[in-house]
Amino acid sequence: MDTTMTLVETLGLERLEVNLFRGTTPDADQRQRIYGGQVIAQSLLAAYETVEDRICHSLHCYFIRPGDPSIPIVFEVDRSRDGGSFTTRRVIAVQHGQQIFNLAASFQTVEEGFEHQSDMPAAPAPQEVASDAEQRKALASGAADEDWIDRHEPIEMRTVGGRFDVVTPAPREPSQQVWFRAKDPIGDDPRMHQVILAYASDMSLLGTSIRPHGVSWRTPGVQTASLDHAMWFHRPTDFNQWHLYQQESPSASSGRGFNLGYIYRASDGVLVASCAQEGLMRMRKPKT
């Protein structure tokens, strides 16, 4: 990403028609395919362009084809329903005349109601954990291709207990804790904080189901990709502040890994969002 532009700016959309939008990919020349969180965020942003005075409470999406970072993405919004309390939108992302992704999202008027939540699990403070950028450099020093190590990331991440070693992986528990926050100021719009949180929610989650198997995305023959992603926004939050991303993988089978994530605000332990994701996770057989 151009470091002179913020993530809010690079995710921005151009309106082509009433329900039609166009977005581009930052760092297109450095990527082989589009990062999934980008398409989630831009699709949610496109849906928000057709919604007034309501906040997203859930989204459900499918990754259909790998995105091509070299060309724009066209987002088509279907205004499924505008009800008394809830609004529903469907968004289709298109490249080369084909769907690469689709999203369904529901929006609700602000409302009071019953409240409870699970407690934030214990974790060392983010200031006590080395940044993932520092950990990557320590783990991958001397790797043949180090361009990915120094890639600018708009989300600051700090993995508790040490980042998973993708160069020489060893089996670990199918759970992890990650502190994360947006580096650049997001502003006062709570909708944009949701959009950036959705962008970040795809980071590291799929890797949780890989941890027990002693492989990584750099292991020859390993193929991974997000298949679907769901997110529930429980409470508004300021994603410029630290949040704990508690992740676990209860199951992997049939070439797929299933992952759950819970996002807590560091300042008061409030659960602000939950995620679920299934991803492709297979070892390809060598060609004969």
Protein backbone atom coordinates (compact mmCIF):
# COMPACT_ATOMS: atom_id res chain seq x y z
CA MET A 1 0.00 0.00 0.00
CA ASP A 2 1.20 3.52 -0.76
CA THR A 3 2.32 4.66 2.69
CA THR A 4 1.21 8.24 1.88
CA MET A 5 -2.41 7.01 1.75
CA THR A 6 -4.43 5.71 4.67
CA LEU A 7 -6.39 2.46 4.59
CA VAL A 8 -9.62 4.48 4.58
CA GLU A 9 -8.45 6.16 1.37
CA THR A 10 -7.25 3.00 -0.39
CA LEU A 11 -10.50 1.17 0.36
CA GLY A 12 -12.54 4.04 -1.05
CA LEU A 13 -15.07 3.35 -3.81
CA GLU A 14 -16.10 5.22 -6.95
CA ARG A 15 -19.84 5.35 -7.56
CA LEU A 16 -20.63 4.29 -11.13
CA GLU A 17 -24.42 4.12 -10.83
CA VAL A 18 -27.02 4.16 -8.05
CA ASN A 19 -26.16 0.63 -6.89
CA LEU A 20 -22.86 0.10 -8.72
CA PHE A 21 -19.38 0.87 -7.35
CA ARG A 22 -15.76 0.36 -8.35
CA GLY A 23 -12.76 -0.27 -6.10
CA THR A 24 -9.07 -0.95 -6.65
CA THR A 25 -6.36 -2.94 -4.87
CA PRO A 26 -3.46 -1.24 -3.04
CA ASP A 27 0.02 -2.65 -3.75
CA ALA A 28 -1.38 -4.41 -6.83
CA ASP A 29 2.09 -5.01 -8.24
CA GLN A 30 3.17 -6.81 -5.04
CA ARG A 31 0.29 -9.28 -4.82
CA GLN A 32 -0.61 -12.44 -6.71
CA ARG A 33 -4.22 -12.30 -5.54
CA ILE A 34 -6.43 -9.92 -3.61
CA TYR A 35 -6.40 -10.16 0.18
CA GLY A 36 -9.80 -11.44 1.31
CA GLY A 37 -10.28 -8.83 4.01
CA GLN A 38 -10.06 -6.11 1.38
CA VAL A 39 -13.04 -7.50 -0.57
CA ILE A 40 -15.04 -7.97 2.65
CA ALA A 41 -14.36 -4.36 3.66
CA GLN A 42 -15.11 -2.85 0.25
CA SER A 43 -18.30 -4.90 -0.10
CA LEU A 44 -19.49 -3.73 3.32
CA LEU A 45 -18.59 -0.17 2.34
CA ALA A 46 -20.60 -0.52 -0.89
CA ALA A 47 -23.59 -1.79 1.09
CA TYR A 48 -23.29 1.15 3.50
CA GLU A 49 -23.49 3.54 0.52
CA THR A 50 -27.11 2.40 0.12
CA VAL A 51 -28.10 2.40 3.81
CA GLU A 52 -29.04 5.37 5.98
CA ASP A 53 -29.10 5.67 9.80
CA ARG A 54 -28.55 1.95 10.46
CA ILE A 55 -25.52 0.00 11.61
CA CYS A 56 -24.41 -3.42 10.38
CA HIS A 57 -24.90 -6.16 12.94
CA SER A 58 -23.88 -9.16 10.82
CA LEU A 59 -22.40 -10.18 7.49
CA HIS A 60 -21.98 -13.51 5.74
CA CYS A 61 -19.84 -13.97 2.64
CA TYR A 62 -18.31 -16.49 0.24
CA PHE A 63 -15.01 -16.30 -1.61
CA ILE A 64 -15.75 -17.75 -5.04
CA ARG A 65 -12.69 -17.06 -7.22
CA PRO A 66 -9.22 -15.60 -6.58
CA GLY A 67 -9.27 -11.85 -7.13
CA ASP A 68 -7.01 -10.23 -9.73
CA PRO A 69 -5.21 -7.28 -8.08
CA SER A 70 -4.23 -5.76 -11.43
CA ILE A 71 -7.76 -4.68 -12.38
CA PRO A 72 -10.61 -2.89 -10.54
CA ILE A 73 -13.41 -4.73 -8.76
CA VAL A 74 -17.02 -3.85 -9.58
CA PHE A 75 -19.46 -4.09 -6.65
CA GLU A 76 -23.16 -4.48 -7.40
CA VAL A 77 -25.54 -3.87 -4.48
CA ASP A 78 -28.98 -5.49 -4.33
CA ARG A 79 -31.35 -3.60 -2.02
CA SER A 80 -33.02 -6.76 -0.72
CA ARG A 81 -35.22 -5.20 1.97
CA ASP A 82 -35.80 -2.00 3.94
CA GLY A 83 -37.88 -2.93 6.98
CA GLY A 84 -39.05 -1.10 10.06
CA SER A 85 -35.97 -2.05 12.12
CA PHE A 86 -33.73 -4.02 9.79
CA THR A 87 -32.24 -3.45 6.35
CA THR A 88 -30.78 -6.25 4.22
CA ARG A 89 -28.28 -5.90 1.38
CA ARG A 90 -26.57 -8.34 -0.97
CA VAL A 91 -23.31 -7.37 -2.68
CA ILE A 92 -21.71 -9.15 -5.65
CA ALA A 93 -18.06 -8.45 -6.49
CA VAL A 94 -17.20 -8.96 -10.16
CA GLN A 95 -13.98 -9.18 -12.21
CA HIS A 96 -13.51 -10.39 -15.78
CA GLY A 97 -17.30 -10.73 -16.01
CA GLN A 98 -17.43 -13.32 -13.20
CA GLN A 99 -18.35 -13.27 -9.53
CA ILE A 100 -15.29 -13.48 -7.30
CA PHE A 101 -17.12 -12.87 -4.01
CA ASN A 102 -20.56 -12.24 -2.58
CA LEU A 103 -21.78 -10.82 0.72
CA ALA A 104 -25.08 -10.57 2.56
CA ALA A 105 -25.31 -8.02 5.37
CA SER A 106 -28.01 -6.95 7.79
CA PHE A 107 -28.31 -3.48 9.33
CA GLN A 108 -30.35 -2.43 12.36
CA THR A 109 -31.60 0.78 13.92
CA VAL A 110 -29.88 1.56 17.24
CA GLU A 111 -31.84 -0.18 19.98
CA GLU A 112 -31.57 -0.95 23.71
CA GLY A 113 -31.99 -4.51 24.98
CA PHE A 114 -30.79 -7.31 27.24
CA GLU A 115 -27.02 -7.57 27.57
CA HIS A 116 -24.44 -10.16 28.60
CA GLN A 117 -21.07 -11.29 27.24
CA SER A 118 -18.23 -13.73 27.88
CA ASP A 119 -15.26 -12.38 29.82
CA MET A 120 -12.14 -11.35 27.94
CA PRO A 121 -9.51 -14.08 28.47
CA ALA A 122 -6.27 -13.27 30.27
CA ALA A 123 -3.43 -12.11 28.03
CA PRO A 124 -0.23 -10.10 28.45
CA ALA A 125 -0.67 -6.42 27.62
CA PRO A 126 0.05 -5.47 23.99
CA GLN A 127 2.99 -3.35 25.15
CA GLU A 128 4.59 -6.55 26.48
CA VAL A 129 4.34 -8.40 23.15
CA ALA A 130 6.74 -7.92 20.22
CA SER A 131 5.14 -6.72 17.00
CA ASP A 132 4.53 -9.27 14.26
CA ALA A 133 6.79 -7.22 11.98
CA GLU A 134 9.67 -7.71 14.42
CA GLN A 135 8.83 -11.38 14.86
CA ARG A 136 8.70 -11.95 11.09
CA LYS A 137 12.17 -10.50 10.64
CA ALA A 138 13.58 -12.66 13.44
CA LEU A 139 11.96 -15.87 12.17
CA ALA A 140 12.58 -15.42 8.44
CA SER A 141 16.00 -13.77 8.43
CA GLY A 142 18.00 -15.18 5.53
CA ALA A 143 14.96 -16.52 3.68
CA ALA A 144 15.34 -16.62 -0.08
CA ASP A 145 12.43 -14.24 -0.68
CA GLU A 146 12.22 -11.60 2.01
CA ASP A 147 10.01 -9.08 0.22
CA TRP A 148 6.93 -10.29 2.15
CA ILE A 149 8.72 -9.68 5.46
CA ASP A 150 9.01 -5.91 5.01
CA ARG A 151 5.65 -5.36 3.30
CA HIS A 152 3.82 -2.40 4.78
CA GLU A 153 0.67 -3.47 6.64
CA PRO A 154 -2.01 -0.97 7.71
CA ILE A 155 -2.94 -3.13 10.73
CA GLU A 156 -0.52 -3.42 13.64
CA MET A 157 -0.51 -6.98 14.99
CA ARG A 158 1.19 -8.56 18.00
CA THR A 159 0.87 -12.34 18.42
CA VAL A 160 0.96 -13.50 22.02
CA GLY A 161 3.50 -16.27 22.68
CA GLY A 162 5.34 -15.65 19.43
CA ARG A 163 4.24 -15.65 15.82
CA PHE A 164 3.88 -19.05 14.15
CA ASP A 165 7.12 -19.86 12.31
CA VAL A 166 6.06 -20.15 8.66
CA VAL A 167 9.59 -21.04 7.48
CA THR A 168 10.24 -23.98 9.83
CA PRO A 169 6.83 -24.67 11.39
CA ALA A 170 6.31 -27.03 14.32
CA PRO A 171 2.95 -28.30 15.63
CA ARG A 172 1.23 -25.95 18.09
CA GLU A 173 -2.15 -25.73 19.80
CA PRO A 174 -5.09 -24.83 17.50
CA SER A 175 -5.62 -21.52 19.27
CA GLN A 176 -3.91 -18.17 19.47
CA GLN A 177 -4.24 -14.64 20.78
CA VAL A 178 -3.43 -11.61 18.65
CA TRP A 179 -3.47 -7.96 19.65
CA PHE A 180 -4.36 -5.70 16.72
CA ARG A 181 -5.41 -2.17 15.81
CA ALA A 182 -5.47 0.15 12.80
CA LYS A 183 -2.28 2.18 12.39
CA ASP A 184 -3.77 5.22 10.64
CA PRO A 185 -6.55 7.40 12.12
CA ILE A 186 -9.98 6.15 11.02
CA GLY A 187 -12.04 9.15 12.10
CA ASP A 188 -15.34 9.51 13.94
CA ASP A 189 -17.64 7.50 11.66
CA PRO A 190 -18.56 4.24 13.49
CA ARG A 191 -19.39 2.61 10.14
CA MET A 192 -15.81 3.05 8.94
CA HIS A 193 -14.49 1.48 12.16
CA GLN A 194 -16.63 -1.57 11.31
CA VAL A 195 -15.28 -1.60 7.75
CA ILE A 196 -11.65 -1.54 8.93
CA LEU A 197 -12.36 -4.13 11.64
CA ALA A 198 -13.89 -6.37 8.95
CA TYR A 199 -10.75 -5.84 6.84
CA ALA A 200 -8.54 -6.94 9.75
CA SER A 201 -10.74 -9.87 10.82
CA ASP A 202 -9.43 -12.04 7.96
CA MET A 203 -5.84 -11.68 9.19
CA SER A 204 -4.36 -14.76 10.95
CA LEU A 205 -7.74 -16.47 11.48
CA LEU A 206 -7.30 -19.20 8.86
CA GLY A 207 -3.80 -19.90 10.16
CA THR A 208 -5.26 -21.06 13.48
CA SER A 209 -6.47 -24.33 11.94
CA ILE A 210 -3.04 -24.94 10.36
CA ARG A 211 -1.09 -24.65 13.61
CA PRO A 212 -1.50 -28.28 14.87
CA HIS A 213 -0.21 -29.81 11.63
CA GLY A 214 3.36 -28.55 11.47
CA VAL A 215 2.96 -26.85 8.09
CA SER A 216 2.44 -23.30 6.86
CA TRP A 217 1.43 -21.50 3.69
CA ARG A 218 5.12 -21.57 2.69
CA THR A 219 5.39 -25.37 2.99
CA PRO A 220 5.72 -26.92 -0.51
CA GLY A 221 2.42 -28.48 -1.58
CA VAL A 222 0.26 -26.73 1.02
CA GLN A 223 -2.76 -24.92 -0.44
CA THR A 224 -4.82 -22.53 1.70
CA ALA A 225 -7.58 -20.06 0.91
CA SER A 226 -10.56 -18.54 2.70
CA LEU A 227 -13.84 -20.14 1.60
CA ASP A 228 -16.38 -18.22 3.65
CA HIS A 229 -16.43 -15.65 6.42
CA ALA A 230 -19.09 -14.51 8.85
CA MET A 231 -18.97 -11.63 11.31
CA TRP A 232 -21.26 -10.29 14.00
CA PHE A 233 -20.82 -6.75 15.34
CA HIS A 234 -22.04 -6.65 18.94
CA ARG A 235 -21.05 -3.16 20.06
CA PRO A 236 -19.47 -0.05 18.48
CA THR A 237 -15.75 0.45 19.05
CA ASP A 238 -12.73 2.56 18.23
CA PHE A 239 -10.44 0.33 16.18
CA ASN A 240 -7.55 2.76 16.51
CA GLN A 241 -7.27 1.33 20.03
CA TRP A 242 -5.91 -2.12 20.92
CA HIS A 243 -8.22 -5.14 20.64
CA LEU A 244 -7.57 -8.77 21.56
CA TYR A 245 -8.42 -11.29 18.82
CA GLN A 246 -8.99 -14.61 20.61
CA GLN A 247 -8.93 -17.41 18.00
CA GLU A 248 -9.56 -21.15 18.08
CA SER A 249 -10.01 -23.96 15.59
CA PRO A 250 -12.39 -26.67 16.90
CA SER A 251 -12.15 -28.81 13.76
CA ALA A 252 -10.36 -29.57 10.51
CA SER A 253 -11.57 -32.22 8.07
CA SER A 254 -12.15 -32.95 4.37
CA GLY A 255 -9.53 -30.45 3.25
CA ARG A 256 -11.12 -27.61 5.26
CA GLY A 257 -10.25 -25.87 8.51
CA PHE A 258 -12.89 -24.24 10.73
CA ASN A 259 -12.03 -21.23 12.89
CA LEU A 260 -13.75 -19.01 15.44
CA GLY A 261 -12.65 -15.57 16.58
CA TYR A 262 -13.72 -13.22 19.37
CA ILE A 263 -12.66 -9.57 19.39
CA TYR A 264 -12.40 -7.80 22.76
CA ARG A 265 -11.60 -4.15 23.42
CA ALA A 266 -8.47 -3.87 25.58
CA SER A 267 -9.53 -0.81 27.56
CA ASP A 268 -12.60 -2.37 29.21
CA GLY A 269 -12.77 -6.03 28.08
CA VAL A 270 -15.95 -5.50 26.05
CA LEU A 271 -16.69 -8.11 23.36
CA VAL A 272 -17.21 -5.98 20.23
CA ALA A 273 -17.40 -8.64 17.48
CA SER A 274 -17.28 -12.37 16.74
CA CYS A 275 -16.15 -14.19 13.60
CA ALA A 276 -16.39 -17.62 12.02
CA GLN A 277 -14.46 -18.78 8.98
CA GLU A 278 -13.88 -21.97 7.03
CA GLY A 279 -10.90 -22.22 4.75
CA LEU A 280 -9.36 -24.58 2.23
CA MET A 281 -6.46 -26.43 3.82
CA ARG A 282 -4.97 -29.26 1.80
CA MET A 283 -1.67 -30.84 0.85
CA ARG A 284 -1.46 -31.13 -2.92
CA LYS A 285 0.05 -34.29 -4.33
CA PRO A 286 3.22 -33.76 -6.41
CA LYS A 287 2.74 -34.03 -10.15
CA THR A 288 4.05 -37.22 -11.72
